[in-house]
Amino acid sequence: MTPPRGGRPPAKGGKGGGPKGGKGRGAPQGRSGSSRGANPESDRARKPGAGVGGGRRGGGGGGRNPLAQMGPQGRAPRSSAKTGLGGEQVEGRQAVRELLLANRRDTREIWLAQDLDPAPVLEDIRELAAEARVVVREVGRGKLDAAARTDAPQGIIAFAKPLPEADLDDLIARRPGRPAPFLLCSDGITDPGNLGALLRSAECAGVTGVVLPQHRAVHVTPTVAKAAAGAVEHLPMTTVGGMPTAIKTMKDAGIWVVGLDERADKTLWDLSMDDAPVALVLGAEGPGLSRLVRERCDELVSIPMRGRVASLNVGTAGTLACFEIARARHRG
């Protein structure tokens, strides 16, 4: 089905009333955990670690925070109040470098491990921090690792203000001289590695905005920010109370909503479009798209599978879909 230029196509009727079936810089992309044709397999969701001041890192109990034993000077800068997106703690060299380059939000302080070998990216970070008047502190490796919330912070942590949250109405608005909206929507992705890798690919593919549900889904944790390698600094994002309601709002604004679903008869390769605004919806690891979201999509497509492995993870499936939609829009 080809959407009309400047608007979404009429809804296609189906059984039961439902429809029928991102440029990164620096280190290489990681691929992390959905779908035989895009229904996410069960990836083990990693629960975001407790922040500084919480329980023992990696543990589940009420152990003491290792930094508390070092006194006030041993503690990480206090974060501001939480927002819907998060992103206050940024770990990894490329992610911190993009945080400073984007200059989209204030960085409070940067910690560098004292035992780091010289590297060009570290020199870039020091120069960018000096230009932005951000304090850079050299701390012991143990102190830095105790504050880290990812497995490999690469000897650096930045403490920043939360990511600014966009408004859905702004993301779906068409503006003269700018590309038509190309949105990526998460219908309950819970694995931070998956979301981070997906955000990095989405930014490279030209996605103009990201829509995340407020509940039962991962937002921008330190693991997400590190896996995204700085993409979170360049992608406008918003959170919504319910994805079905958000989809209705998008459709009312002329956005063509495409859901990735393994049960769809039409494949991703069959999509044909011009420069019409589009939203790609990806389901959660395991269950895929929820019933109501499936019913509200204008089109459902699957990824044709040729091998013996039953599925792709949501990060890989979403990456493939983002670039295929970008190619179809360019070709159209």
C-alpha atoms as a PDB file:
ATOM      1  CA  MET A   1       0.000   0.000   0.000  1.00  0.00           C
ATOM      2  CA  THR A   2       1.427   3.383  -0.973  1.00  0.00           C
ATOM      3  CA  PRO A   3       0.536   6.292   1.322  1.00  0.00           C
ATOM      4  CA  PRO A   4      -0.632   9.452  -0.433  1.00  0.00           C
ATOM      5  CA  ARG A   5       1.853  12.300  -0.462  1.00  0.00           C
ATOM      6  CA  GLY A   6       1.464  14.469   2.595  1.00  0.00           C
ATOM      7  CA  GLY A   7      -0.931  12.180   4.442  1.00  0.00           C
ATOM      8  CA  ARG A   8      -1.586   8.667   5.608  1.00  0.00           C
ATOM      9  CA  PRO A   9      -3.448   6.099   3.534  1.00  0.00           C
ATOM     10  CA  PRO A  10      -6.955   5.003   4.409  1.00  0.00           C
ATOM     11  CA  ALA A  11      -7.032   2.234   6.999  1.00  0.00           C
ATOM     12  CA  LYS A  12      -7.044  -1.228   5.478  1.00  0.00           C
ATOM     13  CA  GLY A  13      -9.776  -3.472   6.804  1.00  0.00           C
ATOM     14  CA  GLY A  14      -8.947  -6.887   8.174  1.00  0.00           C
ATOM     15  CA  LYS A  15     -10.372  -9.758  10.100  1.00  0.00           C
ATOM     16  CA  GLY A  16     -12.000  -8.723  13.319  1.00  0.00           C
ATOM     17  CA  GLY A  17     -11.825  -5.064  12.310  1.00  0.00           C
ATOM     18  CA  GLY A  18      -8.025  -4.839  12.735  1.00  0.00           C
ATOM     19  CA  PRO A  19      -5.592  -3.987   9.953  1.00  0.00           C
ATOM     20  CA  LYS A  20      -3.981  -6.715   7.872  1.00  0.00           C
ATOM     21  CA  GLY A  21      -1.204  -7.561   7.991  1.00  0.00           C
ATOM     22  CA  GLY A  22      19.705   6.283  12.726  1.00  0.00           C
ATOM     23  CA  LYS A  23      25.760   9.266  11.832  1.00  0.00           C
ATOM     24  CA  GLY A  24      27.346   7.566  14.638  1.00  0.00           C
ATOM     25  CA  ARG A  25      30.900   8.443  15.556  1.00  0.00           C
ATOM     26  CA  GLY A  26      33.645   6.625  17.374  1.00  0.00           C
ATOM     27  CA  ALA A  27      33.525   3.015  18.483  1.00  0.00           C
ATOM     28  CA  PRO A  28      31.828   0.312  16.380  1.00  0.00           C
ATOM     29  CA  GLN A  29      28.164  -0.280  16.936  1.00  0.00           C
ATOM     30  CA  GLY A  30      27.062  -2.917  19.365  1.00  0.00           C
ATOM     31  CA  ARG A  31      24.086  -5.114  18.581  1.00  0.00           C
ATOM     32  CA  SER A  32      21.922  -6.137  21.376  1.00  0.00           C
ATOM     33  CA  GLY A  33      18.697  -7.890  22.051  1.00  0.00           C
ATOM     34  CA  SER A  34      13.217  -9.181  18.642  1.00  0.00           C
ATOM     35  CA  SER A  35      11.712 -11.052  15.892  1.00  0.00           C
ATOM     36  CA  ARG A  36      10.866 -13.660  13.368  1.00  0.00           C
ATOM     37  CA  GLY A  37       9.825 -10.936  11.091  1.00  0.00           C
ATOM     38  CA  ALA A  38      10.073  -8.608  14.044  1.00  0.00           C
ATOM     39  CA  ASN A  39       8.387 -10.275  16.960  1.00  0.00           C
ATOM     40  CA  PRO A  40      11.088  -9.900  19.638  1.00  0.00           C
ATOM     41  CA  GLU A  41      12.417 -13.070  21.175  1.00  0.00           C
ATOM     42  CA  SER A  42      12.726 -13.302  24.892  1.00  0.00           C
ATOM     43  CA  ASP A  43      15.830 -11.306  25.711  1.00  0.00           C
ATOM     44  CA  ARG A  44      16.725 -11.286  29.335  1.00  0.00           C
ATOM     45  CA  ALA A  45      15.867  -7.774  30.483  1.00  0.00           C
ATOM     46  CA  ARG A  46      18.581  -6.216  32.576  1.00  0.00           C
ATOM     47  CA  LYS A  47      17.257  -4.235  35.448  1.00  0.00           C
ATOM     48  CA  PRO A  48      18.989  -0.856  35.583  1.00  0.00           C
ATOM     49  CA  GLY A  49      21.424  -0.782  38.482  1.00  0.00           C
ATOM     50  CA  ALA A  50      20.804   1.220  41.586  1.00  0.00           C
ATOM     51  CA  GLY A  51      22.146   4.737  41.449  1.00  0.00           C
ATOM     52  CA  VAL A  52      24.751   6.182  43.749  1.00  0.00           C
ATOM     53  CA  GLY A  53      23.292   6.107  47.202  1.00  0.00           C
ATOM     54  CA  GLY A  54      21.339   2.900  46.554  1.00  0.00           C
ATOM     55  CA  GLY A  55      22.184  -0.726  47.240  1.00  0.00           C
ATOM     56  CA  ARG A  56      25.407  -2.534  46.346  1.00  0.00           C
ATOM     57  CA  ARG A  57      26.121  -2.417  42.634  1.00  0.00           C
ATOM     58  CA  GLY A  58      25.240  -5.726  41.089  1.00  0.00           C
ATOM     59  CA  GLY A  59      23.467  -6.914  44.231  1.00  0.00           C
ATOM     60  CA  GLY A  60      19.836  -6.985  45.044  1.00  0.00           C
ATOM     61  CA  GLY A  61      19.894  -6.153  48.703  1.00  0.00           C
ATOM     62  CA  GLY A  62      20.399  -3.253  50.999  1.00  0.00           C
ATOM     63  CA  GLY A  63      24.187  -3.252  51.074  1.00  0.00           C
ATOM     64  CA  ARG A  64      26.101  -0.086  51.720  1.00  0.00           C
ATOM     65  CA  ASN A  65      27.059   2.243  48.956  1.00  0.00           C
ATOM     66  CA  PRO A  66      30.864   1.915  48.610  1.00  0.00           C
ATOM     67  CA  LEU A  67      31.191   5.668  48.062  1.00  0.00           C
ATOM     68  CA  ALA A  68      29.531   6.449  51.378  1.00  0.00           C
ATOM     69  CA  GLN A  69      32.565   5.046  53.198  1.00  0.00           C
ATOM     70  CA  MET A  70      34.791   7.637  51.486  1.00  0.00           C
ATOM     71  CA  GLY A  71      32.962  10.584  52.996  1.00  0.00           C
ATOM     72  CA  PRO A  72      31.331  13.532  51.222  1.00  0.00           C
ATOM     73  CA  GLN A  73      34.226  13.916  48.745  1.00  0.00           C
ATOM     74  CA  GLY A  74      33.765  10.335  47.608  1.00  0.00           C
ATOM     75  CA  ARG A  75      30.233  10.728  46.420  1.00  0.00           C
ATOM     76  CA  ALA A  76      29.033  11.412  42.924  1.00  0.00           C
ATOM     77  CA  PRO A  77      27.332  14.752  42.264  1.00  0.00           C
ATOM     78  CA  ARG A  78      23.719  14.683  43.321  1.00  0.00           C
ATOM     79  CA  SER A  79      21.334  14.245  40.409  1.00  0.00           C
ATOM     80  CA  SER A  80      18.428  16.564  39.884  1.00  0.00           C
ATOM     81  CA  ALA A  81      14.843  15.363  40.084  1.00  0.00           C
ATOM     82  CA  LYS A  82      13.979  12.560  37.684  1.00  0.00           C
ATOM     83  CA  THR A  83      12.188  13.296  34.444  1.00  0.00           C
ATOM     84  CA  GLY A  84      10.403  10.956  32.121  1.00  0.00           C
ATOM     85  CA  LEU A  85      13.537  10.266  30.077  1.00  0.00           C
ATOM     86  CA  GLY A  86      16.447  10.130  32.522  1.00  0.00           C
ATOM     87  CA  GLY A  87      19.990  10.312  31.200  1.00  0.00           C
ATOM     88  CA  GLU A  88      21.629  12.059  34.181  1.00  0.00           C
ATOM     89  CA  GLN A  89      24.587   9.658  34.309  1.00  0.00           C
ATOM     90  CA  VAL A  90      26.540   9.125  31.080  1.00  0.00           C
ATOM     91  CA  GLU A  91      29.287   6.505  30.832  1.00  0.00           C
ATOM     92  CA  GLY A  92      31.647   5.574  28.019  1.00  0.00           C
ATOM     93  CA  ARG A  93      34.056   7.757  26.055  1.00  0.00           C
ATOM     94  CA  GLN A  94      32.010   8.262  22.905  1.00  0.00           C
ATOM     95  CA  ALA A  95      28.799   8.922  24.853  1.00  0.00           C
ATOM     96  CA  VAL A  96      30.504  11.568  27.032  1.00  0.00           C
ATOM     97  CA  ARG A  97      32.173  13.168  24.004  1.00  0.00           C
ATOM     98  CA  GLU A  98      28.803  13.498  22.212  1.00  0.00           C
ATOM     99  CA  LEU A  99      27.239  14.890  25.390  1.00  0.00           C
ATOM    100  CA  LEU A 100      29.750  17.748  25.299  1.00  0.00           C
ATOM    101  CA  LEU A 101      29.630  18.191  21.516  1.00  0.00           C
ATOM    102  CA  ALA A 102      25.834  18.427  21.408  1.00  0.00           C
ATOM    103  CA  ASN A 103      25.830  21.008  24.221  1.00  0.00           C
ATOM    104  CA  ARG A 104      22.105  20.343  24.568  1.00  0.00           C
ATOM    105  CA  ARG A 105      22.097  20.178  28.363  1.00  0.00           C
ATOM    106  CA  ASP A 106      24.385  21.209  31.197  1.00  0.00           C
ATOM    107  CA  THR A 107      27.104  18.811  32.337  1.00  0.00           C
ATOM    108  CA  ARG A 108      27.745  19.128  36.049  1.00  0.00           C
ATOM    109  CA  GLU A 109      31.009  17.234  36.386  1.00  0.00           C
ATOM    110  CA  ILE A 110      33.148  14.602  34.683  1.00  0.00           C
ATOM    111  CA  TRP A 111      35.145  11.873  36.433  1.00  0.00           C
ATOM    112  CA  LEU A 112      38.201  10.333  34.787  1.00  0.00           C
ATOM    113  CA  ALA A 113      40.051   7.343  36.217  1.00  0.00           C
ATOM    114  CA  GLN A 114      43.602   8.235  37.235  1.00  0.00           C
ATOM    115  CA  ASP A 115      45.170   5.221  35.523  1.00  0.00           C
ATOM    116  CA  LEU A 116      43.938   5.928  31.973  1.00  0.00           C
ATOM    117  CA  ASP A 117      46.432   5.797  29.122  1.00  0.00           C
ATOM    118  CA  PRO A 118      46.493   8.840  26.826  1.00  0.00           C
ATOM    119  CA  ALA A 119      44.022   8.677  23.929  1.00  0.00           C
ATOM    120  CA  PRO A 120      42.789  11.198  21.333  1.00  0.00           C
ATOM    121  CA  VAL A 121      39.175  10.878  22.463  1.00  0.00           C
ATOM    122  CA  LEU A 122      40.173  11.723  26.043  1.00  0.00           C
ATOM    123  CA  GLU A 123      42.011  14.820  24.821  1.00  0.00           C
ATOM    124  CA  ASP A 124      38.876  15.824  22.909  1.00  0.00           C
ATOM    125  CA  ILE A 125      36.812  15.407  26.058  1.00  0.00           C
ATOM    126  CA  ARG A 126      39.212  17.521  28.121  1.00  0.00           C
ATOM    127  CA  GLU A 127      39.228  20.302  25.509  1.00  0.00           C
ATOM    128  CA  LEU A 128      35.442  20.277  25.121  1.00  0.00           C
ATOM    129  CA  ALA A 129      34.996  20.286  28.890  1.00  0.00           C
ATOM    130  CA  ALA A 130      37.370  23.258  29.230  1.00  0.00           C
ATOM    131  CA  GLU A 131      35.441  25.193  26.578  1.00  0.00           C
ATOM    132  CA  ALA A 132      32.167  24.462  28.365  1.00  0.00           C
ATOM    133  CA  ARG A 133      33.710  25.170  31.794  1.00  0.00           C
ATOM    134  CA  VAL A 134      32.880  21.718  33.056  1.00  0.00           C
ATOM    135  CA  VAL A 135      34.927  20.448  35.996  1.00  0.00           C
ATOM    136  CA  VAL A 136      36.989  17.337  35.189  1.00  0.00           C
ATOM    137  CA  ARG A 137      38.179  15.359  38.217  1.00  0.00           C
ATOM    138  CA  GLU A 138      40.670  12.520  38.214  1.00  0.00           C
ATOM    139  CA  VAL A 139      39.567   9.861  40.691  1.00  0.00           C
ATOM    140  CA  GLY A 140      40.764   6.440  41.717  1.00  0.00           C
ATOM    141  CA  ARG A 141      39.672   3.498  39.608  1.00  0.00           C
ATOM    142  CA  GLY A 142      37.867   1.892  42.538  1.00  0.00           C
ATOM    143  CA  LYS A 143      35.895   5.034  43.254  1.00  0.00           C
ATOM    144  CA  LEU A 144      34.867   5.426  39.606  1.00  0.00           C
ATOM    145  CA  ASP A 145      33.891   1.766  39.196  1.00  0.00           C
ATOM    146  CA  ALA A 146      31.846   1.945  42.401  1.00  0.00           C
ATOM    147  CA  ALA A 147      29.814   4.833  40.966  1.00  0.00           C
ATOM    148  CA  ALA A 148      29.433   3.239  37.527  1.00  0.00           C
ATOM    149  CA  ARG A 149      26.165   1.618  36.509  1.00  0.00           C
ATOM    150  CA  THR A 150      27.433  -0.132  33.387  1.00  0.00           C
ATOM    151  CA  ASP A 151      29.819  -3.068  33.128  1.00  0.00           C
ATOM    152  CA  ALA A 152      32.512  -1.121  31.264  1.00  0.00           C
ATOM    153  CA  PRO A 153      32.428   2.671  31.782  1.00  0.00           C
ATOM    154  CA  GLN A 154      35.805   2.969  29.972  1.00  0.00           C
ATOM    155  CA  GLY A 155      37.238   4.998  32.821  1.00  0.00           C
ATOM    156  CA  ILE A 156      34.876   7.948  32.474  1.00  0.00           C
ATOM    157  CA  ILE A 157      31.544   9.112  33.911  1.00  0.00           C
ATOM    158  CA  ALA A 158      29.722  12.383  33.288  1.00  0.00           C
ATOM    159  CA  PHE A 159      26.998  13.735  35.539  1.00  0.00           C
ATOM    160  CA  ALA A 160      24.529  15.934  33.669  1.00  0.00           C
ATOM    161  CA  LYS A 161      21.077  17.414  33.814  1.00  0.00           C
ATOM    162  CA  PRO A 162      18.296  15.111  32.587  1.00  0.00           C
ATOM    163  CA  LEU A 163      17.606  14.861  28.874  1.00  0.00           C
ATOM    164  CA  PRO A 164      15.080  17.472  27.755  1.00  0.00           C
ATOM    165  CA  GLU A 165      11.756  15.935  26.805  1.00  0.00           C
ATOM    166  CA  ALA A 166      10.057  16.926  23.579  1.00  0.00           C
ATOM    167  CA  ASP A 167       6.316  17.243  23.077  1.00  0.00           C
ATOM    168  CA  LEU A 168       4.551  14.715  20.845  1.00  0.00           C
ATOM    169  CA  ASP A 169       2.821  17.519  18.947  1.00  0.00           C
ATOM    170  CA  ASP A 170       6.223  18.961  18.043  1.00  0.00           C
ATOM    171  CA  LEU A 171       7.502  15.583  16.837  1.00  0.00           C
ATOM    172  CA  ILE A 172       4.562  15.027  14.488  1.00  0.00           C
ATOM    173  CA  ALA A 173       4.422  18.572  13.074  1.00  0.00           C
ATOM    174  CA  ARG A 174       5.508  19.132   9.472  1.00  0.00           C
ATOM    175  CA  ARG A 175       7.738  22.156   8.971  1.00  0.00           C
ATOM    176  CA  PRO A 176       8.702  23.817   5.677  1.00  0.00           C
ATOM    177  CA  GLY A 177      12.218  23.024   4.554  1.00  0.00           C
ATOM    178  CA  ARG A 178      12.606  20.073   6.919  1.00  0.00           C
ATOM    179  CA  PRO A 179      12.176  16.325   6.289  1.00  0.00           C
ATOM    180  CA  ALA A 180       8.764  14.806   6.952  1.00  0.00           C
ATOM    181  CA  PRO A 181       8.541  13.234  10.418  1.00  0.00           C
ATOM    182  CA  PHE A 182      10.106   9.779  10.720  1.00  0.00           C
ATOM    183  CA  LEU A 183       9.303   8.493  14.197  1.00  0.00           C
ATOM    184  CA  LEU A 184      10.416   5.396  16.084  1.00  0.00           C
ATOM    185  CA  CYS A 185       7.996   4.085  18.711  1.00  0.00           C
ATOM    186  CA  SER A 186       8.689   1.537  21.444  1.00  0.00           C
ATOM    187  CA  ASP A 187       5.724  -0.601  22.472  1.00  0.00           C
ATOM    188  CA  GLY A 188       7.343  -1.828  25.685  1.00  0.00           C
ATOM    189  CA  ILE A 189      11.038  -2.516  24.954  1.00  0.00           C
ATOM    190  CA  THR A 190      12.581  -3.352  28.331  1.00  0.00           C
ATOM    191  CA  ASP A 191      16.198  -4.313  27.592  1.00  0.00           C
ATOM    192  CA  PRO A 192      18.504  -1.265  27.866  1.00  0.00           C
ATOM    193  CA  GLY A 193      21.118  -2.756  25.543  1.00  0.00           C
ATOM    194  CA  ASN A 194      18.447  -3.275  22.887  1.00  0.00           C
ATOM    195  CA  LEU A 195      17.086   0.247  23.189  1.00  0.00           C
ATOM    196  CA  GLY A 196      20.541   1.817  23.174  1.00  0.00           C
ATOM    197  CA  ALA A 197      21.659  -0.010  20.028  1.00  0.00           C
ATOM    198  CA  LEU A 198      18.337   0.810  18.387  1.00  0.00           C
ATOM    199  CA  LEU A 199      18.630   4.525  19.178  1.00  0.00           C
ATOM    200  CA  ARG A 200      22.118   4.617  17.688  1.00  0.00           C
ATOM    201  CA  SER A 201      20.895   2.998  14.470  1.00  0.00           C
ATOM    202  CA  ALA A 202      17.776   5.192  14.370  1.00  0.00           C
ATOM    203  CA  GLU A 203      19.826   8.379  14.549  1.00  0.00           C
ATOM    204  CA  CYS A 204      22.070   7.146  11.749  1.00  0.00           C
ATOM    205  CA  ALA A 205      19.023   6.232   9.609  1.00  0.00           C
ATOM    206  CA  GLY A 206      17.514   9.712   9.890  1.00  0.00           C
ATOM    207  CA  VAL A 207      14.801   9.138  12.491  1.00  0.00           C
ATOM    208  CA  THR A 208      13.521  12.553  13.581  1.00  0.00           C
ATOM    209  CA  GLY A 209      11.946  11.598  16.911  1.00  0.00           C
ATOM    210  CA  VAL A 210      11.446   8.758  19.391  1.00  0.00           C
ATOM    211  CA  VAL A 211       8.279   7.926  21.348  1.00  0.00           C
ATOM    212  CA  LEU A 212       8.591   5.864  24.557  1.00  0.00           C
ATOM    213  CA  PRO A 213       5.807   4.694  26.888  1.00  0.00           C
ATOM    214  CA  GLN A 214       5.961   6.037  30.421  1.00  0.00           C
ATOM    215  CA  HIS A 215       5.406   2.658  32.051  1.00  0.00           C
ATOM    216  CA  ARG A 216       6.652  -0.920  31.612  1.00  0.00           C
ATOM    217  CA  ALA A 217       9.470   0.134  29.288  1.00  0.00           C
ATOM    218  CA  VAL A 218      13.100   1.165  29.665  1.00  0.00           C
ATOM    219  CA  HIS A 219      14.032   4.828  29.329  1.00  0.00           C
ATOM    220  CA  VAL A 220      17.523   6.368  29.119  1.00  0.00           C
ATOM    221  CA  THR A 221      19.578   4.517  31.725  1.00  0.00           C
ATOM    222  CA  PRO A 222      23.404   4.674  31.753  1.00  0.00           C
ATOM    223  CA  THR A 223      23.425   1.379  29.817  1.00  0.00           C
ATOM    224  CA  VAL A 224      21.113   2.836  27.157  1.00  0.00           C
ATOM    225  CA  ALA A 225      23.206   5.995  26.852  1.00  0.00           C
ATOM    226  CA  LYS A 226      26.451   4.025  26.524  1.00  0.00           C
ATOM    227  CA  ALA A 227      25.040   1.575  23.940  1.00  0.00           C
ATOM    228  CA  ALA A 228      23.621   4.522  21.982  1.00  0.00           C
ATOM    229  CA  ALA A 229      27.147   6.024  21.792  1.00  0.00           C
ATOM    230  CA  GLY A 230      25.867   9.576  22.013  1.00  0.00           C
ATOM    231  CA  ALA A 231      22.749   9.234  19.845  1.00  0.00           C
ATOM    232  CA  VAL A 232      20.523  10.219  22.796  1.00  0.00           C
ATOM    233  CA  GLU A 233      22.059  13.700  22.619  1.00  0.00           C
ATOM    234  CA  HIS A 234      20.782  14.245  19.070  1.00  0.00           C
ATOM    235  CA  LEU A 235      17.394  12.466  19.011  1.00  0.00           C
ATOM    236  CA  PRO A 236      14.323  14.357  20.237  1.00  0.00           C
ATOM    237  CA  MET A 237      12.383  12.016  22.528  1.00  0.00           C
ATOM    238  CA  THR A 238       9.090  12.043  24.359  1.00  0.00           C
ATOM    239  CA  THR A 239       7.200   9.771  26.733  1.00  0.00           C
ATOM    240  CA  VAL A 240       3.482   9.028  26.434  1.00  0.00           C
ATOM    241  CA  GLY A 241       0.943   7.572  28.830  1.00  0.00           C
ATOM    242  CA  GLY A 242      -0.251   4.943  26.348  1.00  0.00           C
ATOM    243  CA  MET A 243       1.047   3.933  22.932  1.00  0.00           C
ATOM    244  CA  PRO A 244      -2.426   3.208  21.434  1.00  0.00           C
ATOM    245  CA  THR A 245      -3.551   6.755  22.263  1.00  0.00           C
ATOM    246  CA  ALA A 246      -0.314   8.181  20.889  1.00  0.00           C
ATOM    247  CA  ILE A 247      -0.807   6.229  17.657  1.00  0.00           C
ATOM    248  CA  LYS A 248      -4.301   7.690  17.275  1.00  0.00           C
ATOM    249  CA  THR A 249      -2.849  11.178  17.721  1.00  0.00           C
ATOM    250  CA  MET A 250      -0.209  10.447  15.078  1.00  0.00           C
ATOM    251  CA  LYS A 251      -2.775   9.103  12.628  1.00  0.00           C
ATOM    252  CA  ASP A 252      -5.011  12.153  13.151  1.00  0.00           C
ATOM    253  CA  ALA A 253      -1.996  14.291  12.214  1.00  0.00           C
ATOM    254  CA  GLY A 254      -1.473  12.385   8.957  1.00  0.00           C
ATOM    255  CA  ILE A 255       1.318  10.078  10.125  1.00  0.00           C
ATOM    256  CA  TRP A 256       1.377   6.652   8.430  1.00  0.00           C
ATOM    257  CA  VAL A 257       1.896   4.108  11.230  1.00  0.00           C
ATOM    258  CA  VAL A 258       3.746   0.888  10.366  1.00  0.00           C
ATOM    259  CA  GLY A 259       4.042  -1.920  12.912  1.00  0.00           C
ATOM    260  CA  LEU A 260       6.698  -4.643  12.728  1.00  0.00           C
ATOM    261  CA  ASP A 261       4.961  -7.970  13.385  1.00  0.00           C
ATOM    262  CA  GLU A 262       5.940 -11.557  12.575  1.00  0.00           C
ATOM    263  CA  ARG A 263       2.342 -12.520  11.743  1.00  0.00           C
ATOM    264  CA  ALA A 264       1.985  -9.950   8.963  1.00  0.00           C
ATOM    265  CA  ASP A 265       1.574 -11.271   5.422  1.00  0.00           C
ATOM    266  CA  LYS A 266       3.186  -8.210   3.871  1.00  0.00           C
ATOM    267  CA  THR A 267       6.952  -7.934   4.227  1.00  0.00           C
ATOM    268  CA  LEU A 268       9.165  -4.972   4.917  1.00  0.00           C
ATOM    269  CA  TRP A 269      10.513  -5.216   1.352  1.00  0.00           C
ATOM    270  CA  ASP A 270       7.003  -4.577  -0.033  1.00  0.00           C
ATOM    271  CA  LEU A 271       6.754  -1.100   1.478  1.00  0.00           C
ATOM    272  CA  SER A 272       6.473   1.693  -1.037  1.00  0.00           C
ATOM    273  CA  MET A 273       6.287   5.319  -0.016  1.00  0.00           C
ATOM    274  CA  ASP A 274       7.203   8.817  -1.010  1.00  0.00           C
ATOM    275  CA  ASP A 275       8.048  11.518   1.491  1.00  0.00           C
ATOM    276  CA  ALA A 276       4.923  10.891   3.606  1.00  0.00           C
ATOM    277  CA  PRO A 277       5.439  11.164   7.391  1.00  0.00           C
ATOM    278  CA  VAL A 278       5.809   7.723   8.943  1.00  0.00           C
ATOM    279  CA  ALA A 279       6.061   6.102  12.360  1.00  0.00           C
ATOM    280  CA  LEU A 280       7.655   2.682  12.908  1.00  0.00           C
ATOM    281  CA  VAL A 281       6.363   0.756  15.928  1.00  0.00           C
ATOM    282  CA  LEU A 282       8.433  -2.022  17.526  1.00  0.00           C
ATOM    283  CA  GLY A 283       7.063  -4.475  20.077  1.00  0.00           C
ATOM    284  CA  ALA A 284       8.513  -5.726  23.323  1.00  0.00           C
ATOM    285  CA  GLU A 285      10.996  -8.567  23.611  1.00  0.00           C
ATOM    286  CA  GLY A 286       8.986 -11.791  23.569  1.00  0.00           C
ATOM    287  CA  PRO A 287       5.329 -10.765  23.175  1.00  0.00           C
ATOM    288  CA  GLY A 288       5.855  -8.288  20.344  1.00  0.00           C
ATOM    289  CA  LEU A 289       3.195  -5.680  19.613  1.00  0.00           C
ATOM    290  CA  SER A 290       0.264  -5.489  22.001  1.00  0.00           C
ATOM    291  CA  ARG A 291      -3.168  -6.309  20.597  1.00  0.00           C
ATOM    292  CA  LEU A 292      -4.500  -2.742  20.643  1.00  0.00           C
ATOM    293  CA  VAL A 293      -1.339  -1.353  19.063  1.00  0.00           C
ATOM    294  CA  ARG A 294      -1.547  -3.958  16.290  1.00  0.00           C
ATOM    295  CA  GLU A 295      -5.145  -2.988  15.592  1.00  0.00           C
ATOM    296  CA  ARG A 296      -4.365   0.719  15.413  1.00  0.00           C
ATOM    297  CA  CYS A 297      -1.438   0.498  13.008  1.00  0.00           C
ATOM    298  CA  ASP A 298      -2.178   1.421   9.380  1.00  0.00           C
ATOM    299  CA  GLU A 299       0.045  -1.394   8.143  1.00  0.00           C
ATOM    300  CA  LEU A 300       1.725  -4.459   9.623  1.00  0.00           C
ATOM    301  CA  VAL A 301       4.870  -5.834   8.025  1.00  0.00           C
ATOM    302  CA  SER A 302       7.238  -8.685   8.777  1.00  0.00           C
ATOM    303  CA  ILE A 303      10.892  -9.344   8.010  1.00  0.00           C
ATOM    304  CA  PRO A 304      11.266 -12.271   5.592  1.00  0.00           C
ATOM    305  CA  MET A 305      13.431 -14.959   7.222  1.00  0.00           C
ATOM    306  CA  ARG A 306      15.572 -17.256   5.079  1.00  0.00           C
ATOM    307  CA  GLY A 307      17.726 -19.033   7.650  1.00  0.00           C
ATOM    308  CA  ARG A 308      17.092 -21.612  10.332  1.00  0.00           C
ATOM    309  CA  VAL A 309      17.291 -19.298  13.335  1.00  0.00           C
ATOM    310  CA  ALA A 310      13.748 -18.458  14.375  1.00  0.00           C
ATOM    311  CA  SER A 311      14.086 -14.781  15.194  1.00  0.00           C
ATOM    312  CA  LEU A 312      16.035 -11.530  15.335  1.00  0.00           C
ATOM    313  CA  ASN A 313      16.411  -9.460  18.465  1.00  0.00           C
ATOM    314  CA  VAL A 314      14.590  -6.143  18.598  1.00  0.00           C
ATOM    315  CA  GLY A 315      17.768  -4.099  18.193  1.00  0.00           C
ATOM    316  CA  THR A 316      18.725  -5.871  14.965  1.00  0.00           C
ATOM    317  CA  ALA A 317      15.170  -6.059  13.593  1.00  0.00           C
ATOM    318  CA  GLY A 318      14.558  -2.396  14.357  1.00  0.00           C
ATOM    319  CA  THR A 319      17.843  -1.352  12.774  1.00  0.00           C
ATOM    320  CA  LEU A 320      16.995  -3.227   9.592  1.00  0.00           C
ATOM    321  CA  ALA A 321      13.503  -1.698   9.488  1.00  0.00           C
ATOM    322  CA  CYS A 322      14.756   1.866  10.085  1.00  0.00           C
ATOM    323  CA  PHE A 323      17.203   1.706   7.194  1.00  0.00           C
ATOM    324  CA  GLU A 324      14.719  -0.021   4.862  1.00  0.00           C
ATOM    325  CA  ILE A 325      12.136   2.696   5.514  1.00  0.00           C
ATOM    326  CA  ALA A 326      14.806   5.362   4.980  1.00  0.00           C
ATOM    327  CA  ARG A 327      15.743   3.698   1.666  1.00  0.00           C
ATOM    328  CA  ALA A 328      12.095   3.444   0.558  1.00  0.00           C
ATOM    329  CA  ARG A 329      11.513   7.115   1.368  1.00  0.00           C
ATOM    330  CA  HIS A 330      14.596   8.162  -0.550  1.00  0.00           C
ATOM    331  CA  ARG A 331      13.680   5.939  -3.488  1.00  0.00           C
ATOM    332  CA  GLY A 332      10.123   7.232  -3.505  1.00  0.00           C
END
